[in-house]
C-alpha atoms as a PDB file:
ATOM      1  CA  UNK A   1      39.209  83.246 -47.580  1.00  0.00           C
ATOM      2  CA  UNK A   2      40.943  84.287 -44.423  1.00  0.00           C
ATOM      3  CA  UNK A   3      42.718  80.985 -43.642  1.00  0.00           C
ATOM      4  CA  UNK A   4      43.070  78.971 -46.871  1.00  0.00           C
ATOM      5  CA  UNK A   5      44.720  75.981 -45.177  1.00  0.00           C
ATOM      6  CA  UNK A   6      41.577  75.352 -43.119  1.00  0.00           C
ATOM      7  CA  UNK A   7      39.807  74.109 -46.225  1.00  0.00           C
ATOM      8  CA  UNK A   8      42.184  71.180 -46.618  1.00  0.00           C
ATOM      9  CA  UNK A   9      40.442  69.000 -44.035  1.00  0.00           C
ATOM     10  CA  UNK A  10      37.046  69.893 -45.392  1.00  0.00           C
ATOM     11  CA  UNK A  11      38.070  69.047 -48.935  1.00  0.00           C
ATOM     12  CA  UNK A  12      39.204  65.561 -47.975  1.00  0.00           C
ATOM     13  CA  UNK A  13      35.919  65.053 -46.109  1.00  0.00           C
ATOM     14  CA  UNK A  14      33.990  66.327 -49.109  1.00  0.00           C
ATOM     15  CA  UNK A  15      35.731  63.899 -51.446  1.00  0.00           C
ATOM     16  CA  UNK A  16      34.863  61.001 -49.165  1.00  0.00           C
ATOM     17  CA  UNK A  17      31.359  62.317 -48.539  1.00  0.00           C
ATOM     18  CA  UNK A  18      30.671  62.444 -52.280  1.00  0.00           C
ATOM     19  CA  UNK A  19      31.085  58.649 -52.365  1.00  0.00           C
ATOM     20  CA  UNK A  20      28.785  58.085 -49.369  1.00  0.00           C
ATOM     21  CA  UNK A  21      25.431  58.862 -51.071  1.00  0.00           C
ATOM     22  CA  UNK A  22      26.666  57.307 -54.311  1.00  0.00           C
ATOM     23  CA  UNK A  23      26.817  53.925 -52.567  1.00  0.00           C
ATOM     24  CA  UNK A  24      23.223  54.501 -51.439  1.00  0.00           C
ATOM     25  CA  UNK A  25      22.217  54.903 -55.085  1.00  0.00           C
ATOM     26  CA  UNK A  26      21.453  58.615 -55.097  1.00  0.00           C
ATOM     27  CA  UNK A  27      21.520  60.455 -58.406  1.00  0.00           C
ATOM     28  CA  UNK A  28      24.629  62.354 -59.439  1.00  0.00           C
ATOM     29  CA  UNK A  29      22.725  65.657 -59.405  1.00  0.00           C
ATOM     30  CA  UNK A  30      21.560  65.076 -55.827  1.00  0.00           C
ATOM     31  CA  UNK A  31      25.099  64.265 -54.708  1.00  0.00           C
ATOM     32  CA  UNK A  32      26.402  67.381 -56.461  1.00  0.00           C
ATOM     33  CA  UNK A  33      23.822  69.506 -54.603  1.00  0.00           C
ATOM     34  CA  UNK A  34      24.665  67.945 -51.245  1.00  0.00           C
ATOM     35  CA  UNK A  35      28.383  68.543 -51.717  1.00  0.00           C
ATOM     36  CA  UNK A  36      27.708  72.102 -52.914  1.00  0.00           C
ATOM     37  CA  UNK A  37      25.787  72.878 -49.717  1.00  0.00           C
ATOM     38  CA  UNK A  38      28.519  71.486 -47.496  1.00  0.00           C
ATOM     39  CA  UNK A  39      31.071  73.544 -49.413  1.00  0.00           C
ATOM     40  CA  UNK A  40      28.935  76.675 -49.020  1.00  0.00           C
ATOM     41  CA  UNK A  41      28.581  76.015 -45.299  1.00  0.00           C
ATOM     42  CA  UNK A  42      32.354  75.692 -45.081  1.00  0.00           C
ATOM     43  CA  UNK A  43      32.804  79.002 -46.860  1.00  0.00           C
ATOM     44  CA  UNK A  44      30.213  80.743 -44.690  1.00  0.00           C
ATOM     45  CA  UNK A  45      31.924  79.489 -41.525  1.00  0.00           C
ATOM     46  CA  UNK A  46      35.423  80.347 -42.740  1.00  0.00           C
ATOM     47  CA  UNK A  47      36.257  76.618 -42.896  1.00  0.00           C
ATOM     48  CA  UNK A  48      36.412  76.245 -39.113  1.00  0.00           C
ATOM     49  CA  UNK A  49      36.345  72.463 -39.425  1.00  0.00           C
ATOM     50  CA  UNK A  50      33.480  70.004 -39.135  1.00  0.00           C
ATOM     51  CA  UNK A  51      34.175  69.329 -35.466  1.00  0.00           C
ATOM     52  CA  UNK A  52      33.692  73.014 -34.683  1.00  0.00           C
ATOM     53  CA  UNK A  53      30.417  73.481 -36.544  1.00  0.00           C
ATOM     54  CA  UNK A  54      27.549  74.149 -34.156  1.00  0.00           C
ATOM     55  CA  UNK A  55      23.792  74.172 -34.652  1.00  0.00           C
ATOM     56  CA  UNK A  56      23.871  77.980 -34.699  1.00  0.00           C
ATOM     57  CA  UNK A  57      26.249  77.925 -37.677  1.00  0.00           C
ATOM     58  CA  UNK A  58      23.851  75.701 -39.589  1.00  0.00           C
ATOM     59  CA  UNK A  59      20.811  77.791 -38.638  1.00  0.00           C
ATOM     60  CA  UNK A  60      22.593  80.937 -39.730  1.00  0.00           C
ATOM     61  CA  UNK A  61      23.543  79.321 -43.031  1.00  0.00           C
ATOM     62  CA  UNK A  62      20.003  78.072 -43.685  1.00  0.00           C
ATOM     63  CA  UNK A  63      18.622  81.504 -42.815  1.00  0.00           C
ATOM     64  CA  UNK A  64      21.058  83.114 -45.253  1.00  0.00           C
ATOM     65  CA  UNK A  65      20.245  80.542 -47.936  1.00  0.00           C
ATOM     66  CA  UNK A  66      16.494  81.015 -47.610  1.00  0.00           C
ATOM     67  CA  UNK A  67      16.812  84.552 -48.984  1.00  0.00           C
ATOM     68  CA  UNK A  68      18.060  83.869 -52.516  1.00  0.00           C
ATOM     69  CA  UNK A  69      16.658  80.388 -53.208  1.00  0.00           C
ATOM     70  CA  UNK A  70      13.333  78.556 -53.250  1.00  0.00           C
ATOM     71  CA  UNK A  71      12.050  76.677 -50.173  1.00  0.00           C
ATOM     72  CA  UNK A  72      12.542  73.354 -51.990  1.00  0.00           C
ATOM     73  CA  UNK A  73      16.247  74.146 -52.372  1.00  0.00           C
ATOM     74  CA  UNK A  74      16.512  75.071 -48.694  1.00  0.00           C
ATOM     75  CA  UNK A  75      14.916  71.747 -47.727  1.00  0.00           C
ATOM     76  CA  UNK A  76      17.350  69.872 -49.995  1.00  0.00           C
ATOM     77  CA  UNK A  77      20.256  71.783 -48.409  1.00  0.00           C
ATOM     78  CA  UNK A  78      19.123  70.713 -44.948  1.00  0.00           C
ATOM     79  CA  UNK A  79      18.962  67.085 -46.092  1.00  0.00           C
ATOM     80  CA  UNK A  80      22.435  67.320 -47.579  1.00  0.00           C
ATOM     81  CA  UNK A  81      23.890  68.795 -44.412  1.00  0.00           C
ATOM     82  CA  UNK A  82      22.219  66.133 -42.276  1.00  0.00           C
ATOM     83  CA  UNK A  83      23.690  63.420 -44.458  1.00  0.00           C
ATOM     84  CA  UNK A  84      27.110  65.050 -44.251  1.00  0.00           C
ATOM     85  CA  UNK A  85      27.110  65.150 -40.464  1.00  0.00           C
ATOM     86  CA  UNK A  86      25.755  61.603 -40.296  1.00  0.00           C
ATOM     87  CA  UNK A  87      28.649  60.586 -42.557  1.00  0.00           C
ATOM     88  CA  UNK A  88      31.130  62.303 -40.228  1.00  0.00           C
ATOM     89  CA  UNK A  89      29.657  60.459 -37.248  1.00  0.00           C
ATOM     90  CA  UNK A  90      29.865  57.132 -39.107  1.00  0.00           C
ATOM     91  CA  UNK A  91      33.500  57.906 -39.913  1.00  0.00           C
ATOM     92  CA  UNK A  92      34.161  58.757 -36.235  1.00  0.00           C
ATOM     93  CA  UNK A  93      35.247  62.296 -37.168  1.00  0.00           C
ATOM     94  CA  UNK A  94      32.691  63.930 -34.868  1.00  0.00           C
ATOM     95  CA  UNK A  95      30.687  62.648 -31.898  1.00  0.00           C
ATOM     96  CA  UNK A  96      27.513  64.712 -32.122  1.00  0.00           C
ATOM     97  CA  UNK A  97      25.423  65.823 -35.078  1.00  0.00           C
ATOM     98  CA  UNK A  98      24.969  69.611 -35.001  1.00  0.00           C
ATOM     99  CA  UNK A  99      22.090  69.300 -37.476  1.00  0.00           C
ATOM    100  CA  UNK A 100      20.155  66.778 -35.375  1.00  0.00           C
ATOM    101  CA  UNK A 101      17.775  69.263 -33.756  1.00  0.00           C
ATOM    102  CA  UNK A 102      16.887  71.037 -36.967  1.00  0.00           C
END
């Protein structure tokens, strides 16, 4: 990782985000998968921060992901990312959802 300190903000968001779907009653495996996809997106974008993530970053990530995994996994990744950005909006961390038009 080029800038290891960039992950710090993401990690605190990820910890909080992991509780978000738990309250909604989602299964532990589903939550694990959602958090994994957000973490992978962070790694693929060099942890630029959730406020700097654009739709193109997400499209690029989904395109990359569609190579090694099944379509069902790609669809689950998209759902996880949407939930993550919705969580960030609810927490007033970002104003617009970069995954909204996907």
